[in-house]
Amino acid sequence: MMRRHCVVAGHRLNLFHCRAGRTAILLLHGNSSCKEVFSKQLKELAKTKLSIVAPDLPGHGGSDNSMFPSTTYSFPGYARLVGDLMSKLGYESYHVLGWSLGGHIGLELLARSRSVRSLLISGTPPIRLTPEGAMEGFRWTGTTALAGRRHFKPDDVRRYANAMMGTRLPEGHHLLRMVERTDGDARCWMVSNGMAGRGADELAAVTNTDKPVAVVQGSADPFLRIDYLEKVPFSTLWQGRPILIPAGHAAHWQAPRAFNEAMMDFVTAH
């Protein structure tokens, strides 16, 4: 797995890249996270003939903060950048695996790009981008509210990271440092842009697509409403239902064996 940088639309992005074939799988991390959150999936995906691309989103990890925060830090802004990244790397066709924020970017790509072959989402309820749509799909708690907060105190870093990962991370853990490192504008603008309707209608995206969509979801996710997710009228839902596994928001991190089994079955079938 090669760690490299790539400049896209003036943004210097840090990424993992393993070139294996003409078709790739694009791994998109969550809010205030980084590409390393997929470390437990890389070995399994390397067994396929797919190339692997896992970028740090702008404002996250080893990538630069955006010079245009109000537009870049939105579902369509991120989708344009990662779509341009895939084109620059030479991939005309790719699968998308998106976790949390990464799933919303994946839904945006599904709605706007013919290059997407399939989409697997986790921790991501497809919603209409309105306050009412968000209330339907998400549980609103004090920790959920941190998702859009610009400035984090040390306790906010710990609370948010532990809730996202479903476990208490030890002091100095890389993922704790990445929450602290994240550009606060990325959180603030992502939420405000989403609530202002800047992006695709995610419900329409999953009800109108002819591309395969999988949902592999932690059954104890504290951020989203499982009952809502189970009622979403997906048109092409793999196995006809969300795959629920015993984990929280980061099912791929907490329960990698179960998650990877479902992920590999889906990806290799499409």
Protein backbone atom coordinates (compact mmCIF):
# COMPACT_ATOMS: atom_id res chain seq x y z
CA MET A 1 0.00 0.00 0.00
CA MET A 2 1.57 3.27 -1.12
CA ARG A 3 1.11 6.49 0.83
CA ARG A 4 1.20 9.45 -1.55
CA HIS A 5 0.01 12.97 -2.19
CA CYS A 6 -2.06 14.23 -5.08
CA VAL A 7 -3.07 17.82 -5.86
CA VAL A 8 -6.69 18.14 -6.98
CA ALA A 9 -8.31 21.52 -7.68
CA GLY A 10 -5.62 23.21 -5.61
CA HIS A 11 -6.06 20.84 -2.66
CA ARG A 12 -3.11 18.66 -1.61
CA LEU A 13 -4.64 15.34 -0.60
CA ASN A 14 -2.88 12.59 1.33
CA LEU A 15 -3.99 9.07 0.40
CA PHE A 16 -3.33 5.36 0.45
CA HIS A 17 -3.17 3.96 -3.07
CA CYS A 18 -2.68 0.40 -4.24
CA ARG A 19 -2.95 -0.02 -8.01
CA ALA A 20 -4.07 -3.53 -8.94
CA GLY A 21 -6.57 -3.20 -11.78
CA ARG A 22 -8.50 -0.76 -13.93
CA THR A 23 -11.42 -0.74 -11.50
CA ALA A 24 -10.94 0.63 -7.99
CA ILE A 25 -12.69 0.80 -4.64
CA LEU A 26 -12.80 4.25 -3.06
CA LEU A 27 -12.85 4.32 0.76
CA LEU A 28 -14.33 7.48 2.30
CA HIS A 29 -13.94 8.12 6.03
CA GLY A 30 -16.20 9.94 8.46
CA ASN A 31 -16.38 13.41 9.96
CA SER A 32 -13.22 14.35 11.92
CA SER A 33 -11.57 11.04 11.03
CA CYS A 34 -8.96 9.88 8.52
CA LYS A 35 -8.06 7.16 6.03
CA GLU A 36 -6.44 5.00 8.71
CA VAL A 37 -9.90 4.20 10.06
CA PHE A 38 -10.07 1.60 7.26
CA SER A 39 -6.87 -0.15 8.33
CA LYS A 40 -8.82 -3.31 9.22
CA GLN A 41 -10.29 -3.55 5.70
CA LEU A 42 -7.17 -3.03 3.58
CA LYS A 43 -5.73 -6.54 3.89
CA GLU A 44 -9.00 -8.15 2.80
CA LEU A 45 -9.53 -5.76 -0.11
CA ALA A 46 -5.97 -6.43 -1.26
CA LYS A 47 -7.06 -10.01 -2.00
CA THR A 48 -9.30 -8.75 -4.81
CA LYS A 49 -8.32 -7.49 -8.26
CA LEU A 50 -9.47 -4.01 -7.30
CA SER A 51 -7.20 -1.03 -6.91
CA ILE A 52 -7.64 0.69 -3.54
CA VAL A 53 -7.88 4.45 -3.01
CA ALA A 54 -8.32 5.81 0.52
CA PRO A 55 -7.87 9.60 0.76
CA ASP A 56 -7.89 11.93 3.72
CA LEU A 57 -10.67 14.39 2.90
CA PRO A 58 -9.74 18.08 2.79
CA GLY A 59 -9.46 19.45 6.31
CA HIS A 60 -8.76 15.99 7.68
CA GLY A 61 -5.74 13.79 8.39
CA GLY A 62 -2.72 14.57 6.25
CA SER A 63 -4.63 16.57 3.64
CA ASP A 64 -4.63 20.37 3.47
CA ASN A 65 -7.41 22.49 4.87
CA SER A 66 -9.57 23.93 2.13
CA MET A 67 -9.02 27.48 0.92
CA PHE A 68 -12.73 27.52 -0.01
CA PRO A 69 -14.38 26.10 3.12
CA SER A 70 -17.95 27.20 2.43
CA THR A 71 -18.08 25.21 -0.82
CA THR A 72 -15.54 22.41 -0.35
CA TYR A 73 -16.93 21.29 3.02
CA SER A 74 -20.24 20.04 1.68
CA PHE A 75 -21.42 16.75 0.24
CA PRO A 76 -21.21 18.03 -3.37
CA GLY A 77 -17.91 19.78 -2.67
CA TYR A 78 -16.30 16.64 -1.33
CA ALA A 79 -17.87 14.53 -4.10
CA ARG A 80 -16.43 16.77 -6.82
CA LEU A 81 -12.95 16.57 -5.30
CA VAL A 82 -12.86 12.80 -4.81
CA GLY A 83 -14.41 12.29 -8.25
CA ASP A 84 -11.67 14.45 -9.75
CA LEU A 85 -9.10 12.51 -7.72
CA MET A 86 -10.30 9.22 -9.20
CA SER A 87 -10.17 10.66 -12.71
CA LYS A 88 -6.67 12.00 -12.11
CA LEU A 89 -5.55 8.57 -10.91
CA GLY A 90 -6.98 7.07 -14.11
CA TYR A 91 -10.08 5.26 -12.80
CA GLU A 92 -13.16 5.56 -14.99
CA SER A 93 -15.13 3.06 -12.91
CA TYR A 94 -15.06 2.42 -9.17
CA HIS A 95 -16.94 1.05 -6.19
CA VAL A 96 -17.47 3.28 -3.15
CA LEU A 97 -17.38 2.30 0.52
CA GLY A 98 -18.45 5.22 2.67
CA TRP A 99 -18.64 5.43 6.44
CA SER A 100 -20.71 8.14 8.15
CA LEU A 101 -19.83 11.41 6.34
CA GLY A 102 -18.13 9.25 3.72
CA GLY A 103 -21.45 7.50 3.09
CA HIS A 104 -23.17 10.83 2.43
CA ILE A 105 -20.42 11.69 -0.05
CA GLY A 106 -20.96 8.26 -1.60
CA LEU A 107 -24.68 8.98 -1.96
CA GLU A 108 -23.82 12.27 -3.65
CA LEU A 109 -21.53 10.41 -6.06
CA LEU A 110 -24.23 7.82 -6.69
CA ALA A 111 -26.64 10.60 -7.66
CA ARG A 112 -24.24 12.51 -9.89
CA SER A 113 -21.57 10.21 -11.33
CA ARG A 114 -21.80 7.43 -13.89
CA SER A 115 -18.42 6.19 -12.72
CA VAL A 116 -19.86 4.65 -9.55
CA ARG A 117 -20.40 0.90 -9.98
CA SER A 118 -21.76 0.16 -6.52
CA LEU A 119 -22.06 1.77 -3.11
CA LEU A 120 -21.70 0.30 0.39
CA ILE A 121 -22.68 2.62 3.23
CA SER A 122 -22.31 2.26 6.99
CA GLY A 123 -23.41 4.71 9.66
CA THR A 124 -25.22 6.73 6.99
CA PRO A 125 -29.01 7.03 6.80
CA PRO A 126 -30.09 8.34 3.37
CA ILE A 127 -32.12 11.46 4.12
CA ARG A 128 -33.59 14.51 2.49
CA LEU A 129 -31.23 17.39 3.20
CA THR A 130 -33.52 19.39 5.44
CA PRO A 131 -33.71 19.79 9.22
CA GLU A 132 -36.83 17.61 9.14
CA GLY A 133 -35.05 14.94 7.11
CA ALA A 134 -32.13 14.93 9.52
CA MET A 135 -34.48 14.54 12.49
CA GLU A 136 -36.06 11.51 10.84
CA GLY A 137 -32.76 9.75 10.21
CA PHE A 138 -30.60 10.78 13.16
CA ARG A 139 -30.79 10.71 16.94
CA TRP A 140 -29.97 14.15 18.32
CA THR A 141 -27.92 14.11 21.52
CA GLY A 142 -25.23 16.29 23.03
CA THR A 143 -22.61 14.15 21.29
CA THR A 144 -24.42 14.31 17.95
CA ALA A 145 -24.40 18.09 18.20
CA LEU A 146 -20.59 18.04 18.25
CA ALA A 147 -20.65 16.96 14.59
CA GLY A 148 -21.11 20.57 13.50
CA ARG A 149 -19.15 22.40 16.20
CA ARG A 150 -16.26 24.52 14.95
CA HIS A 151 -14.14 24.59 18.10
CA PHE A 152 -13.42 21.46 20.15
CA LYS A 153 -12.20 21.50 23.74
CA PRO A 154 -10.07 18.52 24.84
CA ASP A 155 -13.12 16.86 26.38
CA ASP A 156 -15.05 17.32 23.12
CA VAL A 157 -12.28 15.50 21.26
CA ARG A 158 -12.51 12.51 23.59
CA ARG A 159 -16.31 12.43 23.69
CA TYR A 160 -16.70 12.63 19.94
CA ALA A 161 -13.94 10.14 19.10
CA ASN A 162 -15.13 7.58 21.65
CA ALA A 163 -18.75 7.87 20.49
CA MET A 164 -17.77 7.57 16.84
CA MET A 165 -15.54 4.53 17.40
CA GLY A 166 -17.70 2.85 20.03
CA THR A 167 -14.82 2.35 22.40
CA ARG A 168 -12.64 4.41 24.72
CA LEU A 169 -9.50 5.22 22.77
CA PRO A 170 -6.27 5.42 24.79
CA GLU A 171 -4.56 8.78 25.24
CA GLY A 172 -2.37 9.60 22.25
CA HIS A 173 -4.25 7.25 19.89
CA HIS A 174 -3.91 8.27 16.24
CA LEU A 175 -7.68 8.67 15.80
CA LEU A 176 -7.86 11.01 18.80
CA ARG A 177 -5.11 13.13 17.28
CA MET A 178 -6.97 13.21 13.96
CA VAL A 179 -10.16 14.47 15.61
CA GLU A 180 -8.11 17.22 17.23
CA ARG A 181 -6.36 17.99 13.93
CA THR A 182 -9.57 18.35 11.88
CA ASP A 183 -10.35 21.80 10.53
CA GLY A 184 -13.28 23.06 12.60
CA ASP A 185 -14.67 24.74 9.50
CA ALA A 186 -15.06 21.26 7.98
CA ARG A 187 -17.53 20.29 10.70
CA CYS A 188 -19.34 23.60 10.79
CA TRP A 189 -19.78 24.04 7.04
CA MET A 190 -20.61 20.38 6.37
CA VAL A 191 -23.57 20.48 8.74
CA SER A 192 -24.79 23.95 7.75
CA ASN A 193 -24.52 23.16 4.03
CA GLY A 194 -26.39 19.90 4.51
CA MET A 195 -29.18 21.51 6.49
CA ALA A 196 -29.46 24.19 3.81
CA GLY A 197 -30.15 21.49 1.20
CA ARG A 198 -26.84 21.79 -0.65
CA GLY A 199 -26.56 18.35 -2.18
CA ALA A 200 -28.59 15.56 -3.72
CA ASP A 201 -31.83 14.25 -2.25
CA GLU A 202 -30.36 11.07 -0.78
CA LEU A 203 -33.71 9.29 -0.59
CA ALA A 204 -34.25 9.93 -4.29
CA ALA A 205 -30.73 8.71 -5.01
CA VAL A 206 -31.33 5.28 -3.46
CA THR A 207 -34.87 4.88 -4.77
CA ASN A 208 -34.03 5.81 -8.37
CA THR A 209 -30.64 4.17 -8.88
CA ASP A 210 -29.99 1.01 -10.86
CA LYS A 211 -26.60 0.54 -9.18
CA PRO A 212 -26.22 -2.02 -6.37
CA VAL A 213 -26.36 -0.51 -2.88
CA ALA A 214 -25.45 -2.31 0.35
CA VAL A 215 -26.03 -1.21 3.94
CA VAL A 216 -23.77 -2.86 6.54
CA GLN A 217 -24.73 -1.29 9.80
CA GLY A 218 -23.94 -1.47 13.50
CA SER A 219 -27.13 -2.41 15.32
CA ALA A 220 -26.23 -0.27 18.37
CA ASP A 221 -25.31 2.90 16.45
CA PRO A 222 -25.95 5.82 18.84
CA PHE A 223 -26.22 8.39 16.06
CA LEU A 224 -28.86 7.09 13.67
CA ARG A 225 -32.32 5.58 13.84
CA ILE A 226 -32.23 1.92 12.81
CA ASP A 227 -36.02 1.83 12.44
CA TYR A 228 -35.77 4.66 9.90
CA LEU A 229 -33.00 2.93 7.99
CA GLU A 230 -35.03 -0.26 7.72
CA LYS A 231 -37.95 1.66 6.15
CA VAL A 232 -35.93 3.42 3.43
CA PRO A 233 -37.32 2.20 0.04
CA PHE A 234 -34.01 1.27 -1.62
CA SER A 235 -34.53 0.17 -5.22
CA THR A 236 -31.48 -2.10 -5.44
CA LEU A 237 -30.68 -3.01 -1.85
CA TRP A 238 -28.29 -5.95 -1.64
CA GLN A 239 -29.95 -8.94 0.04
CA GLY A 240 -33.12 -6.89 0.29
CA ARG A 241 -32.37 -5.49 3.75
CA PRO A 242 -29.70 -3.70 5.80
CA ILE A 243 -27.14 -6.11 7.19
CA LEU A 244 -27.06 -5.48 10.95
CA ILE A 245 -24.06 -6.54 12.99
CA PRO A 246 -23.46 -6.14 16.73
CA ALA A 247 -21.50 -2.90 16.83
CA GLY A 248 -21.93 0.83 17.20
CA HIS A 249 -21.34 3.61 14.67
CA ALA A 250 -18.01 2.27 13.40
CA ALA A 251 -19.03 -1.31 12.61
CA HIS A 252 -16.02 -1.76 10.32
CA TRP A 253 -13.70 -0.90 13.24
CA GLN A 254 -15.52 -2.60 16.11
CA ALA A 255 -16.54 -5.80 14.33
CA PRO A 256 -14.15 -6.11 11.38
CA ARG A 257 -14.62 -9.85 10.85
CA ALA A 258 -18.39 -9.60 10.35
CA PHE A 259 -18.12 -6.34 8.44
CA ASN A 260 -15.38 -7.60 6.14
CA GLU A 261 -17.28 -10.78 5.34
CA ALA A 262 -20.28 -8.76 4.17
CA MET A 263 -18.05 -6.22 2.40
CA MET A 264 -16.17 -8.89 0.45
CA ASP A 265 -19.36 -10.76 -0.52
CA PHE A 266 -20.83 -7.53 -1.88
CA VAL A 267 -17.77 -6.19 -3.64
CA THR A 268 -16.81 -9.47 -5.32
CA ALA A 269 -20.42 -9.97 -6.50
CA HIS A 270 -20.39 -6.68 -8.37
